[in-house]
Amino acid sequence: MNILFPSRSNSELGRPGIPGSNDLENALRRLATRRANEINEREFLAREREEQRSRKLSV
């Protein structure tokens, strides 16, 4: 797992026989993943813009 979701035993995840008992944890995991992806995309685009600027200056 990661910092937001420390390792837990399977017996603590949800409640057997009750659909949706893991929904909150799954939603939080998806949100954390989405945020990390957005940060990575911003960093990638910033590097791309910087590379384009440096190429224009060297021409």
N, C-alpha and C. Protein backbone atom coordinates (compact mmCIF):
# COMPACT_ATOMS: atom_id res chain seq x y z
N MET A 1 0.84 -1.18 0.00
CA MET A 1 0.00 0.00 0.00
C MET A 1 0.89 1.25 0.00
N ASN A 2 0.31 2.40 0.39
CA ASN A 2 1.11 3.61 0.44
C ASN A 2 0.87 4.35 1.74
N ILE A 3 1.33 5.58 1.82
CA ILE A 3 1.23 6.35 3.06
C ILE A 3 -0.23 6.57 3.46
N LEU A 4 -1.09 6.84 2.50
CA LEU A 4 -2.49 7.11 2.82
C LEU A 4 -3.24 5.88 3.29
N PHE A 5 -2.79 4.72 2.84
CA PHE A 5 -3.47 3.48 3.18
C PHE A 5 -2.48 2.48 3.72
N PRO A 6 -2.13 2.59 5.00
CA PRO A 6 -1.17 1.65 5.57
C PRO A 6 -1.65 0.21 5.42
N SER A 7 -0.71 -0.69 5.41
CA SER A 7 -1.02 -2.10 5.25
C SER A 7 -1.97 -2.56 6.35
N ARG A 8 -3.01 -3.26 5.95
CA ARG A 8 -3.99 -3.79 6.90
C ARG A 8 -4.27 -5.23 6.53
N SER A 9 -4.65 -6.00 7.50
CA SER A 9 -4.96 -7.40 7.21
C SER A 9 -6.28 -7.47 6.46
N ASN A 10 -6.47 -8.52 5.68
CA ASN A 10 -7.69 -8.67 4.90
C ASN A 10 -8.93 -8.77 5.78
N SER A 11 -8.78 -9.23 7.02
CA SER A 11 -9.94 -9.36 7.89
C SER A 11 -10.52 -8.00 8.26
N GLU A 12 -9.76 -6.92 8.12
CA GLU A 12 -10.24 -5.59 8.47
C GLU A 12 -10.88 -4.88 7.28
N LEU A 13 -10.70 -5.39 6.08
CA LEU A 13 -11.20 -4.71 4.90
C LEU A 13 -12.66 -5.09 4.66
N GLY A 14 -13.54 -4.12 4.82
CA GLY A 14 -14.95 -4.37 4.57
C GLY A 14 -15.55 -5.36 5.54
N ARG A 15 -16.79 -5.71 5.27
CA ARG A 15 -17.46 -6.71 6.09
C ARG A 15 -17.98 -7.79 5.16
N PRO A 16 -17.59 -9.02 5.40
CA PRO A 16 -18.02 -10.11 4.52
C PRO A 16 -19.54 -10.17 4.41
N GLY A 17 -20.00 -10.34 3.19
CA GLY A 17 -21.44 -10.49 2.95
C GLY A 17 -22.20 -9.18 2.87
N ILE A 18 -21.54 -8.05 3.03
CA ILE A 18 -22.22 -6.76 2.96
C ILE A 18 -21.65 -5.99 1.77
N PRO A 19 -22.40 -5.96 0.66
CA PRO A 19 -21.92 -5.25 -0.53
C PRO A 19 -21.69 -3.77 -0.23
N GLY A 20 -20.61 -3.25 -0.76
CA GLY A 20 -20.32 -1.82 -0.62
C GLY A 20 -19.60 -1.45 0.65
N SER A 21 -19.22 -2.43 1.46
CA SER A 21 -18.57 -2.09 2.72
C SER A 21 -17.15 -1.56 2.51
N ASN A 22 -16.60 -1.69 1.32
CA ASN A 22 -15.26 -1.17 1.01
C ASN A 22 -15.33 0.10 0.17
N ASP A 23 -16.52 0.60 -0.09
CA ASP A 23 -16.67 1.71 -1.03
C ASP A 23 -15.86 2.95 -0.65
N LEU A 24 -15.88 3.34 0.60
CA LEU A 24 -15.15 4.54 1.01
C LEU A 24 -13.66 4.37 0.80
N GLU A 25 -13.13 3.25 1.23
CA GLU A 25 -11.69 3.01 1.07
C GLU A 25 -11.32 2.99 -0.41
N ASN A 26 -12.13 2.33 -1.23
CA ASN A 26 -11.85 2.29 -2.67
C ASN A 26 -11.93 3.68 -3.28
N ALA A 27 -12.91 4.48 -2.87
CA ALA A 27 -13.04 5.84 -3.40
C ALA A 27 -11.84 6.69 -3.01
N LEU A 28 -11.38 6.57 -1.77
CA LEU A 28 -10.21 7.33 -1.33
C LEU A 28 -8.96 6.90 -2.08
N ARG A 29 -8.82 5.63 -2.34
CA ARG A 29 -7.67 5.13 -3.10
C ARG A 29 -7.70 5.69 -4.52
N ARG A 30 -8.88 5.68 -5.15
CA ARG A 30 -9.00 6.23 -6.51
C ARG A 30 -8.69 7.73 -6.52
N LEU A 31 -9.17 8.46 -5.51
CA LEU A 31 -8.90 9.89 -5.42
C LEU A 31 -7.41 10.17 -5.28
N ALA A 32 -6.74 9.41 -4.43
CA ALA A 32 -5.29 9.59 -4.24
C ALA A 32 -4.55 9.30 -5.54
N THR A 33 -4.97 8.26 -6.26
CA THR A 33 -4.34 7.91 -7.53
C THR A 33 -4.57 9.02 -8.56
N ARG A 34 -5.79 9.54 -8.61
CA ARG A 34 -6.12 10.61 -9.55
C ARG A 34 -5.28 11.85 -9.27
N ARG A 35 -5.14 12.21 -8.00
CA ARG A 35 -4.33 13.38 -7.64
C ARG A 35 -2.88 13.19 -8.03
N ALA A 36 -2.34 12.01 -7.77
CA ALA A 36 -0.95 11.73 -8.14
C ALA A 36 -0.78 11.83 -9.65
N ASN A 37 -1.75 11.33 -10.39
CA ASN A 37 -1.69 11.39 -11.85
C ASN A 37 -1.72 12.84 -12.34
N GLU A 38 -2.57 13.66 -11.75
CA GLU A 38 -2.64 15.07 -12.15
C GLU A 38 -1.32 15.78 -11.89
N ILE A 39 -0.69 15.49 -10.76
CA ILE A 39 0.61 16.10 -10.45
C ILE A 39 1.65 15.67 -11.48
N ASN A 40 1.66 14.38 -11.80
CA ASN A 40 2.61 13.87 -12.80
C ASN A 40 2.39 14.52 -14.16
N GLU A 41 1.13 14.69 -14.55
CA GLU A 41 0.83 15.33 -15.83
C GLU A 41 1.31 16.78 -15.85
N ARG A 42 1.06 17.51 -14.76
CA ARG A 42 1.51 18.91 -14.69
C ARG A 42 3.02 19.00 -14.82
N GLU A 43 3.73 18.13 -14.10
CA GLU A 43 5.20 18.14 -14.16
C GLU A 43 5.68 17.80 -15.57
N PHE A 44 5.06 16.82 -16.19
CA PHE A 44 5.44 16.43 -17.55
C PHE A 44 5.23 17.59 -18.52
N LEU A 45 4.06 18.23 -18.44
CA LEU A 45 3.77 19.34 -19.35
C LEU A 45 4.70 20.52 -19.12
N ALA A 46 5.06 20.77 -17.87
CA ALA A 46 6.01 21.85 -17.58
C ALA A 46 7.37 21.55 -18.20
N ARG A 47 7.82 20.30 -18.10
CA ARG A 47 9.10 19.92 -18.72
C ARG A 47 9.02 20.06 -20.24
N GLU A 48 7.91 19.65 -20.82
CA GLU A 48 7.74 19.76 -22.28
C GLU A 48 7.80 21.22 -22.72
N ARG A 49 7.11 22.09 -21.99
CA ARG A 49 7.13 23.52 -22.34
C ARG A 49 8.55 24.08 -22.23
N GLU A 50 9.26 23.70 -21.19
CA GLU A 50 10.63 24.17 -21.01
C GLU A 50 11.53 23.68 -22.14
N GLU A 51 11.36 22.44 -22.55
CA GLU A 51 12.16 21.91 -23.67
C GLU A 51 11.84 22.65 -24.96
N GLN A 52 10.57 22.95 -25.19
CA GLN A 52 10.19 23.70 -26.39
C GLN A 52 10.81 25.09 -26.38
N ARG A 53 10.79 25.75 -25.22
CA ARG A 53 11.40 27.08 -25.11
C ARG A 53 12.89 27.02 -25.40
N SER A 54 13.56 26.03 -24.83
CA SER A 54 15.01 25.95 -25.04
C SER A 54 15.33 25.62 -26.50
N ARG A 55 14.50 24.84 -27.16
CA ARG A 55 14.71 24.55 -28.59
C ARG A 55 14.53 25.81 -29.42
N LYS A 56 13.52 26.62 -29.08
CA LYS A 56 13.29 27.86 -29.83
C LYS A 56 14.44 28.84 -29.64
N LEU A 57 14.99 28.88 -28.44
CA LEU A 57 16.10 29.80 -28.17
C LEU A 57 17.38 29.37 -28.86
N SER A 58 17.56 28.07 -29.06
CA SER A 58 18.80 27.58 -29.66
C SER A 58 18.77 27.65 -31.19
N VAL A 59 17.62 27.93 -31.76
CA VAL A 59 17.51 28.00 -33.23
C VAL A 59 17.88 29.34 -33.75
